[in-house]
Amino acid sequence: GAEAGMFYNTVTKKLYDGEKGIEVIPCYYKLTYPEWAPFERKEGRPVSPDRGPEVLAKTKKDTSGKDVLDNGNQIIKTANHFVIINGEKPEKALMAMKSTQLKVSRGWNSLMQDQFETDPKTNKNVPAPMFSRIYKLSSVENSGSFTWHGYRVSLLRKVDDASLYQLAREFHNSLKKSSAAAETKEESNY
């Protein structure tokens, strides 16, 4: 029953109306550089989940502007936004943005960085935690040499429900901790 422009949560199998949009709380952000085999090759698509930004120095741009390694595999820069979809029953989700949606991701990150709160102890403005705001994501049709749907992001309001805020903070902390552990493990392998 999915139609162009709808959002689909692959974990819960739930569809969302893209025109109406969804409310999300961003909890964690990670930029990755996965390596993908071309569709034509038989061994499958994903080769490595994250080669790191240094892999771009080993690529060349092909005629369509994609970053390609000497072995023919592509590096597809991906902005990963871990969010909580705000609804009757909040659900965790990953929104992977790549290609034309990287610009949307950068805009969203800038919007998040522009949020401030007053510290009650010092009475000074301090950056607000990313998980302290609710954003609306809706689907927008884009066109060029073909037509596709992408995201539109807008700030709605502060998270004003204590249990929802706590859920978002815990999700943020668990992802931050697991990312730090993965980086430590990766560094110890050298």
N, C-alpha and C. Protein backbone atom coordinates (compact mmCIF):
# COMPACT_ATOMS: atom_id res chain seq x y z
N GLY A 1 0.79 -1.20 0.00
CA GLY A 1 0.00 0.00 0.00
C GLY A 1 0.84 1.27 0.00
N ALA A 2 2.15 1.14 -0.14
CA ALA A 2 3.00 2.33 -0.13
C ALA A 2 2.87 3.10 -1.44
N GLU A 3 2.95 4.41 -1.33
CA GLU A 3 2.91 5.28 -2.51
C GLU A 3 4.14 6.19 -2.47
N ALA A 4 4.47 6.75 -3.61
CA ALA A 4 5.61 7.67 -3.70
C ALA A 4 5.47 8.78 -2.68
N GLY A 5 6.56 9.05 -1.96
CA GLY A 5 6.57 10.13 -0.99
C GLY A 5 6.21 9.71 0.42
N MET A 6 5.83 8.45 0.63
CA MET A 6 5.50 7.99 1.98
C MET A 6 6.80 7.59 2.70
N PHE A 7 6.76 7.62 4.04
CA PHE A 7 7.88 7.14 4.85
C PHE A 7 7.55 5.72 5.28
N TYR A 8 8.59 4.87 5.32
CA TYR A 8 8.41 3.48 5.71
C TYR A 8 9.45 3.10 6.74
N ASN A 9 9.00 2.64 7.89
CA ASN A 9 9.92 2.15 8.92
C ASN A 9 10.13 0.67 8.64
N THR A 10 11.33 0.30 8.20
CA THR A 10 11.61 -1.09 7.81
C THR A 10 11.61 -2.05 8.99
N VAL A 11 11.77 -1.54 10.21
CA VAL A 11 11.77 -2.39 11.40
C VAL A 11 10.34 -2.71 11.83
N THR A 12 9.52 -1.66 11.99
CA THR A 12 8.14 -1.85 12.46
C THR A 12 7.17 -2.15 11.32
N LYS A 13 7.63 -1.97 10.07
CA LYS A 13 6.80 -2.15 8.87
C LYS A 13 5.64 -1.16 8.81
N LYS A 14 5.81 -0.02 9.44
CA LYS A 14 4.76 0.98 9.51
C LYS A 14 4.97 2.04 8.42
N LEU A 15 3.88 2.42 7.75
CA LEU A 15 3.90 3.46 6.73
C LEU A 15 3.40 4.78 7.30
N TYR A 16 3.98 5.88 6.83
CA TYR A 16 3.56 7.21 7.27
C TYR A 16 3.29 8.07 6.04
N ASP A 17 2.29 8.90 6.14
CA ASP A 17 1.94 9.82 5.07
C ASP A 17 3.01 10.90 4.97
N GLY A 18 3.72 10.95 3.86
CA GLY A 18 4.81 11.91 3.68
C GLY A 18 4.35 13.34 3.55
N GLU A 19 3.15 13.54 2.96
CA GLU A 19 2.62 14.90 2.84
C GLU A 19 2.26 15.46 4.21
N LYS A 20 1.61 14.63 5.02
CA LYS A 20 1.23 15.02 6.37
C LYS A 20 2.49 15.18 7.23
N GLY A 21 3.46 14.30 7.00
CA GLY A 21 4.72 14.35 7.72
C GLY A 21 4.68 13.61 9.05
N ILE A 22 5.84 13.53 9.67
CA ILE A 22 5.98 12.88 10.96
C ILE A 22 6.76 13.79 11.90
N GLU A 23 6.51 13.62 13.18
CA GLU A 23 7.27 14.34 14.20
C GLU A 23 8.40 13.44 14.67
N VAL A 24 9.62 13.97 14.70
CA VAL A 24 10.76 13.19 15.15
C VAL A 24 11.60 13.99 16.13
N ILE A 25 12.26 13.24 17.00
CA ILE A 25 13.23 13.82 17.92
C ILE A 25 14.59 13.24 17.53
N PRO A 26 15.51 14.08 17.05
CA PRO A 26 16.83 13.57 16.70
C PRO A 26 17.60 13.22 17.98
N CYS A 27 18.23 12.05 17.98
CA CYS A 27 18.94 11.59 19.18
C CYS A 27 20.43 11.41 18.96
N TYR A 28 20.82 11.13 17.73
CA TYR A 28 22.25 10.91 17.48
C TYR A 28 22.48 11.06 15.98
N TYR A 29 23.68 11.52 15.64
CA TYR A 29 24.04 11.71 14.24
C TYR A 29 25.41 11.09 13.99
N LYS A 30 25.53 10.39 12.88
CA LYS A 30 26.83 9.82 12.50
C LYS A 30 26.96 9.83 10.98
N LEU A 31 28.05 10.39 10.50
CA LEU A 31 28.35 10.40 9.08
C LEU A 31 29.22 9.18 8.78
N THR A 32 28.81 8.38 7.82
CA THR A 32 29.56 7.17 7.47
C THR A 32 29.92 7.17 5.99
N TYR A 33 30.88 6.32 5.66
CA TYR A 33 31.38 6.20 4.30
C TYR A 33 31.37 4.72 3.90
N PRO A 34 30.18 4.14 3.70
CA PRO A 34 30.11 2.72 3.35
C PRO A 34 30.60 2.45 1.92
N GLU A 35 31.14 1.26 1.75
CA GLU A 35 31.60 0.81 0.43
C GLU A 35 30.55 -0.13 -0.14
N TRP A 36 30.17 0.14 -1.36
CA TRP A 36 29.14 -0.66 -2.03
C TRP A 36 29.69 -1.21 -3.34
N ALA A 37 29.41 -2.49 -3.61
CA ALA A 37 29.74 -3.07 -4.90
C ALA A 37 28.69 -2.61 -5.90
N PRO A 38 29.06 -2.46 -7.18
CA PRO A 38 28.07 -2.06 -8.18
C PRO A 38 26.95 -3.10 -8.29
N PHE A 39 25.77 -2.65 -8.67
CA PHE A 39 24.62 -3.56 -8.81
C PHE A 39 24.91 -4.72 -9.76
N GLU A 40 25.74 -4.48 -10.76
CA GLU A 40 26.00 -5.49 -11.78
C GLU A 40 26.78 -6.71 -11.26
N ARG A 41 27.53 -6.51 -10.18
CA ARG A 41 28.35 -7.61 -9.66
C ARG A 41 27.51 -8.56 -8.84
N LYS A 42 27.88 -9.83 -8.85
CA LYS A 42 27.06 -10.86 -8.22
C LYS A 42 27.28 -11.04 -6.71
N GLU A 43 28.39 -10.55 -6.14
CA GLU A 43 28.68 -10.82 -4.73
C GLU A 43 27.79 -10.02 -3.77
N GLY A 44 26.99 -9.14 -4.27
CA GLY A 44 26.10 -8.40 -3.39
C GLY A 44 26.51 -6.95 -3.29
N ARG A 45 25.73 -6.16 -2.62
CA ARG A 45 25.95 -4.72 -2.59
C ARG A 45 26.84 -4.24 -1.45
N PRO A 46 26.46 -4.36 -0.18
CA PRO A 46 27.32 -3.77 0.84
C PRO A 46 28.61 -4.55 1.02
N VAL A 47 29.73 -3.84 1.01
CA VAL A 47 31.03 -4.47 1.20
C VAL A 47 31.58 -4.13 2.58
N SER A 48 31.42 -2.87 2.98
CA SER A 48 31.88 -2.40 4.28
C SER A 48 30.92 -1.33 4.79
N PRO A 49 30.54 -1.39 6.07
CA PRO A 49 29.58 -0.40 6.58
C PRO A 49 30.16 1.00 6.75
N ASP A 50 31.46 1.11 6.95
CA ASP A 50 32.05 2.44 7.12
C ASP A 50 33.56 2.36 6.93
N ARG A 51 34.04 2.92 5.82
CA ARG A 51 35.46 2.95 5.54
C ARG A 51 36.14 4.18 6.12
N GLY A 52 35.36 5.12 6.67
CA GLY A 52 35.92 6.34 7.24
C GLY A 52 36.19 7.38 6.18
N PRO A 53 36.29 8.66 6.57
CA PRO A 53 36.44 9.74 5.59
C PRO A 53 37.75 9.68 4.80
N GLU A 54 38.76 9.04 5.38
CA GLU A 54 40.06 8.96 4.68
C GLU A 54 39.99 8.15 3.40
N VAL A 55 38.96 7.31 3.24
CA VAL A 55 38.83 6.49 2.03
C VAL A 55 38.59 7.36 0.79
N LEU A 56 38.03 8.56 0.98
CA LEU A 56 37.76 9.43 -0.18
C LEU A 56 39.03 9.80 -0.92
N ALA A 57 40.17 9.82 -0.22
CA ALA A 57 41.46 10.11 -0.87
C ALA A 57 41.85 9.00 -1.84
N LYS A 58 41.23 7.84 -1.71
CA LYS A 58 41.54 6.69 -2.58
C LYS A 58 40.54 6.54 -3.72
N THR A 59 39.62 7.51 -3.85
CA THR A 59 38.59 7.41 -4.89
C THR A 59 38.83 8.40 -6.01
N LYS A 60 38.15 8.13 -7.11
CA LYS A 60 38.11 9.06 -8.25
C LYS A 60 36.64 9.25 -8.58
N LYS A 61 36.29 10.43 -9.07
CA LYS A 61 34.91 10.69 -9.49
C LYS A 61 34.68 10.04 -10.85
N ASP A 62 33.55 9.31 -10.97
CA ASP A 62 33.20 8.76 -12.28
C ASP A 62 32.41 9.80 -13.07
N THR A 63 31.91 9.43 -14.24
CA THR A 63 31.22 10.38 -15.11
C THR A 63 29.93 10.93 -14.48
N SER A 64 29.35 10.19 -13.53
CA SER A 64 28.13 10.67 -12.87
C SER A 64 28.44 11.37 -11.55
N GLY A 65 29.74 11.56 -11.23
CA GLY A 65 30.13 12.28 -10.03
C GLY A 65 30.20 11.43 -8.78
N LYS A 66 30.13 10.10 -8.93
CA LYS A 66 30.20 9.21 -7.77
C LYS A 66 31.65 8.91 -7.44
N ASP A 67 31.91 8.69 -6.13
CA ASP A 67 33.25 8.36 -5.65
C ASP A 67 33.49 6.87 -5.84
N VAL A 68 34.46 6.50 -6.70
CA VAL A 68 34.70 5.11 -7.05
C VAL A 68 36.14 4.72 -6.72
N LEU A 69 36.28 3.54 -6.08
CA LEU A 69 37.61 3.00 -5.78
C LEU A 69 38.18 2.30 -7.01
N ASP A 70 39.48 1.96 -6.98
CA ASP A 70 40.13 1.27 -8.09
C ASP A 70 39.47 -0.08 -8.38
N ASN A 71 38.88 -0.73 -7.35
CA ASN A 71 38.23 -2.03 -7.55
C ASN A 71 36.82 -1.91 -8.16
N GLY A 72 36.39 -0.67 -8.43
CA GLY A 72 35.07 -0.45 -9.04
C GLY A 72 33.95 -0.22 -8.03
N ASN A 73 34.22 -0.43 -6.75
CA ASN A 73 33.20 -0.20 -5.72
C ASN A 73 33.02 1.29 -5.47
N GLN A 74 31.82 1.65 -5.02
CA GLN A 74 31.51 3.05 -4.73
C GLN A 74 31.57 3.31 -3.22
N ILE A 75 31.97 4.52 -2.88
CA ILE A 75 31.86 5.00 -1.50
C ILE A 75 30.67 5.95 -1.50
N ILE A 76 29.65 5.63 -0.73
CA ILE A 76 28.44 6.44 -0.71
C ILE A 76 28.31 7.11 0.65
N LYS A 77 28.75 8.38 0.70
CA LYS A 77 28.70 9.17 1.92
C LYS A 77 27.25 9.20 2.42
N THR A 78 27.06 8.83 3.71
CA THR A 78 25.71 8.68 4.26
C THR A 78 25.59 9.38 5.61
N ALA A 79 24.60 10.26 5.71
CA ALA A 79 24.29 10.95 6.97
C ALA A 79 23.23 10.12 7.69
N ASN A 80 23.59 9.59 8.85
CA ASN A 80 22.69 8.73 9.62
C ASN A 80 22.11 9.50 10.80
N HIS A 81 20.81 9.71 10.77
CA HIS A 81 20.11 10.39 11.85
C HIS A 81 19.29 9.36 12.62
N PHE A 82 19.69 9.11 13.86
CA PHE A 82 18.94 8.20 14.73
C PHE A 82 17.89 9.05 15.42
N VAL A 83 16.63 8.66 15.28
CA VAL A 83 15.53 9.49 15.78
C VAL A 83 14.53 8.66 16.57
N ILE A 84 13.67 9.36 17.27
CA ILE A 84 12.48 8.76 17.86
C ILE A 84 11.31 9.38 17.12
N ILE A 85 10.48 8.53 16.54
CA ILE A 85 9.27 9.01 15.87
C ILE A 85 8.24 9.23 16.97
N ASN A 86 7.77 10.46 17.09
CA ASN A 86 6.83 10.83 18.13
C ASN A 86 5.41 10.48 17.68
N GLY A 87 4.77 9.62 18.43
CA GLY A 87 3.40 9.23 18.12
C GLY A 87 2.76 8.63 19.35
N GLU A 88 1.64 7.91 19.15
CA GLU A 88 0.98 7.27 20.29
C GLU A 88 1.96 6.41 21.06
N LYS A 89 2.75 5.65 20.32
CA LYS A 89 3.80 4.83 20.93
C LYS A 89 5.10 5.23 20.23
N PRO A 90 5.95 6.01 20.92
CA PRO A 90 7.21 6.45 20.28
C PRO A 90 8.04 5.25 19.81
N GLU A 91 8.66 5.39 18.64
CA GLU A 91 9.48 4.30 18.12
C GLU A 91 10.82 4.84 17.62
N LYS A 92 11.85 4.03 17.83
CA LYS A 92 13.19 4.41 17.41
C LYS A 92 13.35 4.06 15.93
N ALA A 93 14.11 4.90 15.23
CA ALA A 93 14.32 4.67 13.80
C ALA A 93 15.65 5.28 13.37
N LEU A 94 16.13 4.82 12.23
CA LEU A 94 17.32 5.36 11.60
C LEU A 94 16.91 5.94 10.26
N MET A 95 17.28 7.19 10.04
CA MET A 95 17.03 7.83 8.76
C MET A 95 18.38 8.04 8.09
N ALA A 96 18.63 7.29 7.04
CA ALA A 96 19.88 7.41 6.31
C ALA A 96 19.66 8.35 5.12
N MET A 97 20.44 9.41 5.09
CA MET A 97 20.34 10.39 4.00
C MET A 97 21.63 10.36 3.19
N LYS A 98 21.48 10.22 1.89
CA LYS A 98 22.65 10.23 1.02
C LYS A 98 22.32 10.98 -0.26
N SER A 99 23.32 11.18 -1.08
CA SER A 99 23.17 11.83 -2.37
C SER A 99 22.55 13.22 -2.20
N THR A 100 21.42 13.47 -2.84
CA THR A 100 20.80 14.80 -2.80
C THR A 100 20.30 15.16 -1.41
N GLN A 101 20.10 14.19 -0.54
CA GLN A 101 19.58 14.46 0.79
C GLN A 101 20.67 14.89 1.78
N LEU A 102 21.94 14.83 1.37
CA LEU A 102 23.03 15.31 2.23
C LEU A 102 22.87 16.81 2.52
N LYS A 103 22.38 17.56 1.55
CA LYS A 103 22.16 18.99 1.76
C LYS A 103 21.06 19.20 2.81
N VAL A 104 20.01 18.39 2.77
CA VAL A 104 18.94 18.46 3.76
C VAL A 104 19.50 18.13 5.14
N SER A 105 20.34 17.10 5.21
CA SER A 105 20.96 16.70 6.47
C SER A 105 21.81 17.84 7.05
N ARG A 106 22.62 18.47 6.21
CA ARG A 106 23.45 19.59 6.68
C ARG A 106 22.58 20.73 7.20
N GLY A 107 21.48 21.01 6.51
CA GLY A 107 20.56 22.05 6.96
C GLY A 107 19.94 21.70 8.30
N TRP A 108 19.57 20.43 8.46
CA TRP A 108 18.98 19.98 9.72
C TRP A 108 19.99 20.10 10.85
N ASN A 109 21.23 19.66 10.59
CA ASN A 109 22.27 19.78 11.61
C ASN A 109 22.50 21.24 12.00
N SER A 110 22.48 22.15 11.04
CA SER A 110 22.64 23.58 11.34
C SER A 110 21.48 24.09 12.18
N LEU A 111 20.28 23.66 11.83
CA LEU A 111 19.09 24.06 12.60
C LEU A 111 19.20 23.58 14.04
N MET A 112 19.68 22.35 14.23
CA MET A 112 19.86 21.82 15.59
C MET A 112 20.91 22.62 16.36
N GLN A 113 22.00 22.98 15.69
CA GLN A 113 23.07 23.72 16.35
C GLN A 113 22.67 25.15 16.69
N ASP A 114 21.62 25.65 16.06
CA ASP A 114 21.14 27.00 16.34
C ASP A 114 20.15 27.06 17.50
N GLN A 115 19.93 25.96 18.19
CA GLN A 115 18.99 25.93 19.31
C GLN A 115 19.75 26.13 20.62
N PHE A 116 19.26 27.05 21.43
CA PHE A 116 19.91 27.37 22.70
C PHE A 116 18.89 27.37 23.84
N GLU A 117 19.40 27.18 25.05
CA GLU A 117 18.60 27.25 26.26
C GLU A 117 19.37 28.09 27.28
N THR A 118 18.65 28.64 28.22
CA THR A 118 19.30 29.41 29.27
C THR A 118 19.66 28.49 30.42
N ASP A 119 20.94 28.49 30.78
CA ASP A 119 21.41 27.69 31.91
C ASP A 119 20.92 28.36 33.20
N PRO A 120 20.11 27.67 34.01
CA PRO A 120 19.57 28.29 35.22
C PRO A 120 20.64 28.67 36.25
N LYS A 121 21.78 28.00 36.22
CA LYS A 121 22.86 28.29 37.18
C LYS A 121 23.61 29.57 36.81
N THR A 122 23.89 29.73 35.50
CA THR A 122 24.71 30.87 35.07
C THR A 122 23.90 31.96 34.36
N ASN A 123 22.67 31.65 34.02
CA ASN A 123 21.79 32.55 33.28
C ASN A 123 22.35 32.91 31.91
N LYS A 124 23.21 32.04 31.36
CA LYS A 124 23.79 32.24 30.03
C LYS A 124 23.17 31.26 29.05
N ASN A 125 23.17 31.65 27.77
CA ASN A 125 22.69 30.75 26.73
C ASN A 125 23.72 29.66 26.47
N VAL A 126 23.24 28.43 26.42
CA VAL A 126 24.09 27.27 26.13
C VAL A 126 23.43 26.47 25.01
N PRO A 127 24.22 25.73 24.23
CA PRO A 127 23.61 24.91 23.18
C PRO A 127 22.62 23.91 23.77
N ALA A 128 21.47 23.79 23.13
CA ALA A 128 20.44 22.84 23.57
C ALA A 128 20.82 21.44 23.09
N PRO A 129 20.57 20.41 23.90
CA PRO A 129 20.81 19.05 23.42
C PRO A 129 19.97 18.77 22.17
N MET A 130 20.53 18.04 21.22
CA MET A 130 19.79 17.77 19.98
C MET A 130 18.45 17.10 20.26
N PHE A 131 18.40 16.30 21.32
CA PHE A 131 17.19 15.53 21.62
C PHE A 131 16.15 16.33 22.42
N SER A 132 16.36 17.63 22.54
CA SER A 132 15.42 18.47 23.30
C SER A 132 14.38 19.15 22.42
N ARG A 133 14.42 18.88 21.12
CA ARG A 133 13.50 19.53 20.18
C ARG A 133 12.79 18.49 19.32
N ILE A 134 11.58 18.85 18.90
CA ILE A 134 10.80 18.01 17.99
C ILE A 134 10.76 18.71 16.63
N TYR A 135 11.04 17.95 15.60
CA TYR A 135 11.06 18.47 14.23
C TYR A 135 9.99 17.76 13.41
N LYS A 136 9.51 18.45 12.40
CA LYS A 136 8.57 17.83 11.47
C LYS A 136 9.34 17.47 10.21
N LEU A 137 9.21 16.21 9.80
CA LEU A 137 9.77 15.76 8.54
C LEU A 137 8.62 15.47 7.61
N SER A 138 8.66 16.08 6.45
CA SER A 138 7.64 15.80 5.45
C SER A 138 8.35 15.48 4.14
N SER A 139 7.58 14.94 3.22
CA SER A 139 8.12 14.53 1.94
C SER A 139 7.91 15.65 0.93
N VAL A 140 8.91 15.87 0.11
CA VAL A 140 8.81 16.90 -0.93
C VAL A 140 9.31 16.29 -2.24
N GLU A 141 8.62 16.60 -3.31
CA GLU A 141 9.02 16.07 -4.61
C GLU A 141 10.12 16.93 -5.20
N ASN A 142 11.18 16.28 -5.67
CA ASN A 142 12.30 16.95 -6.33
C ASN A 142 12.34 16.49 -7.77
N SER A 143 12.90 17.32 -8.62
CA SER A 143 13.03 16.88 -10.01
C SER A 143 14.30 17.45 -10.62
N GLY A 144 14.77 16.74 -11.59
CA GLY A 144 15.97 17.10 -12.34
C GLY A 144 15.87 16.32 -13.63
N SER A 145 16.83 15.41 -13.85
CA SER A 145 16.73 14.53 -15.01
C SER A 145 15.69 13.43 -14.75
N PHE A 146 15.25 13.29 -13.48
CA PHE A 146 14.16 12.40 -13.10
C PHE A 146 13.50 12.99 -11.86
N THR A 147 12.44 12.36 -11.38
CA THR A 147 11.70 12.87 -10.22
C THR A 147 11.87 11.92 -9.05
N TRP A 148 12.08 12.47 -7.85
CA TRP A 148 12.21 11.66 -6.64
C TRP A 148 11.67 12.45 -5.46
N HIS A 149 11.46 11.76 -4.36
CA HIS A 149 10.98 12.41 -3.14
C HIS A 149 12.12 12.50 -2.13
N GLY A 150 12.17 13.60 -1.44
CA GLY A 150 13.17 13.82 -0.40
C GLY A 150 12.50 14.36 0.84
N TYR A 151 13.32 14.78 1.78
CA TYR A 151 12.83 15.28 3.06
C TYR A 151 12.77 16.80 3.09
N ARG A 152 11.83 17.31 3.87
CA ARG A 152 11.79 18.71 4.27
C ARG A 152 11.76 18.67 5.79
N VAL A 153 12.63 19.45 6.44
CA VAL A 153 12.74 19.45 7.89
C VAL A 153 12.41 20.83 8.43
N SER A 154 11.57 20.88 9.45
CA SER A 154 11.27 22.15 10.11
C SER A 154 11.14 21.94 11.61
N LEU A 155 11.57 22.94 12.36
CA LEU A 155 11.50 22.90 13.82
C LEU A 155 10.05 23.10 14.24
N LEU A 156 9.56 22.25 15.17
CA LEU A 156 8.21 22.42 15.69
C LEU A 156 8.20 23.05 17.07
N ARG A 157 8.86 22.39 18.04
CA ARG A 157 8.79 22.86 19.43
C ARG A 157 9.81 22.11 20.29
N LYS A 158 9.91 22.55 21.54
CA LYS A 158 10.72 21.83 22.53
C LYS A 158 9.99 20.55 22.93
N VAL A 159 10.75 19.56 23.36
CA VAL A 159 10.14 18.36 23.95
C VAL A 159 9.64 18.78 25.33
N ASP A 160 8.33 18.68 25.54
CA ASP A 160 7.77 19.13 26.82
C ASP A 160 7.23 17.99 27.68
N ASP A 161 7.40 16.77 27.22
CA ASP A 161 6.97 15.59 27.98
C ASP A 161 8.21 14.97 28.62
N ALA A 162 8.25 14.90 29.94
CA ALA A 162 9.44 14.43 30.67
C ALA A 162 9.82 13.00 30.30
N SER A 163 8.84 12.10 30.15
CA SER A 163 9.17 10.71 29.84
C SER A 163 9.71 10.58 28.41
N LEU A 164 9.19 11.38 27.49
CA LEU A 164 9.68 11.37 26.11
C LEU A 164 11.10 11.94 26.07
N TYR A 165 11.35 12.99 26.82
CA TYR A 165 12.69 13.58 26.90
C TYR A 165 13.68 12.56 27.46
N GLN A 166 13.27 11.85 28.51
CA GLN A 166 14.14 10.84 29.12
C GLN A 166 14.45 9.71 28.14
N LEU A 167 13.43 9.26 27.40
CA LEU A 167 13.62 8.22 26.39
C LEU A 167 14.63 8.67 25.34
N ALA A 168 14.48 9.91 24.87
CA ALA A 168 15.39 10.45 23.86
C ALA A 168 16.81 10.58 24.41
N ARG A 169 16.94 11.05 25.63
CA ARG A 169 18.27 11.20 26.24
C ARG A 169 18.94 9.85 26.41
N GLU A 170 18.20 8.84 26.86
CA GLU A 170 18.76 7.50 27.02
C GLU A 170 19.18 6.90 25.69
N PHE A 171 18.37 7.12 24.65
CA PHE A 171 18.73 6.63 23.30
C PHE A 171 20.01 7.31 22.83
N HIS A 172 20.09 8.62 23.02
CA HIS A 172 21.29 9.39 22.67
C HIS A 172 22.52 8.84 23.40
N ASN A 173 22.41 8.68 24.72
CA ASN A 173 23.55 8.21 25.53
C ASN A 173 23.98 6.81 25.14
N SER A 174 23.03 5.92 24.85
CA SER A 174 23.40 4.54 24.49
C SER A 174 24.11 4.51 23.13
N LEU A 175 23.66 5.33 22.18
CA LEU A 175 24.31 5.37 20.86
C LEU A 175 25.68 6.02 20.96
N LYS A 176 25.79 7.06 21.76
CA LYS A 176 27.08 7.74 21.96
C LYS A 176 28.09 6.78 22.60
N LYS A 177 27.63 6.02 23.60
CA LYS A 177 28.49 5.07 24.30
C LYS A 177 28.93 3.94 23.36
N SER A 178 28.00 3.39 22.57
CA SER A 178 28.36 2.29 21.67
C SER A 178 29.27 2.77 20.55
N SER A 179 29.09 4.01 20.10
CA SER A 179 29.96 4.56 19.07
C SER A 179 31.38 4.77 19.62
N ALA A 180 31.48 5.27 20.85
CA ALA A 180 32.78 5.47 21.48
C ALA A 180 33.49 4.13 21.69
N ALA A 181 32.74 3.11 22.10
CA ALA A 181 33.32 1.77 22.30
C ALA A 181 33.82 1.20 20.98
N ALA A 182 33.05 1.41 19.90
CA ALA A 182 33.45 0.90 18.59
C ALA A 182 34.71 1.60 18.10
N GLU A 183 34.82 2.91 18.34
CA GLU A 183 36.00 3.66 17.93
C GLU A 183 37.22 3.22 18.72
N THR A 184 37.06 2.96 20.02
CA THR A 184 38.16 2.50 20.85
C THR A 184 38.64 1.13 20.38
N LYS A 185 37.70 0.25 20.06
CA LYS A 185 38.05 -1.09 19.58
C LYS A 185 38.78 -0.99 18.24
N GLU A 186 38.32 -0.10 17.36
CA GLU A 186 38.93 0.08 16.05
C GLU A 186 40.36 0.60 16.22
N GLU A 187 40.57 1.57 17.12
CA GLU A 187 41.91 2.12 17.34
C GLU A 187 42.86 1.07 17.91
N SER A 188 42.36 0.16 18.75
CA SER A 188 43.23 -0.86 19.34
C SER A 188 43.61 -1.95 18.34
N ASN A 189 42.95 -1.98 17.18
CA ASN A 189 43.27 -2.97 16.15
C ASN A 189 44.46 -2.53 15.30
N TYR A 190 44.96 -1.32 15.48
CA TYR A 190 46.09 -0.85 14.66
C TYR A 190 47.42 -1.18 15.30
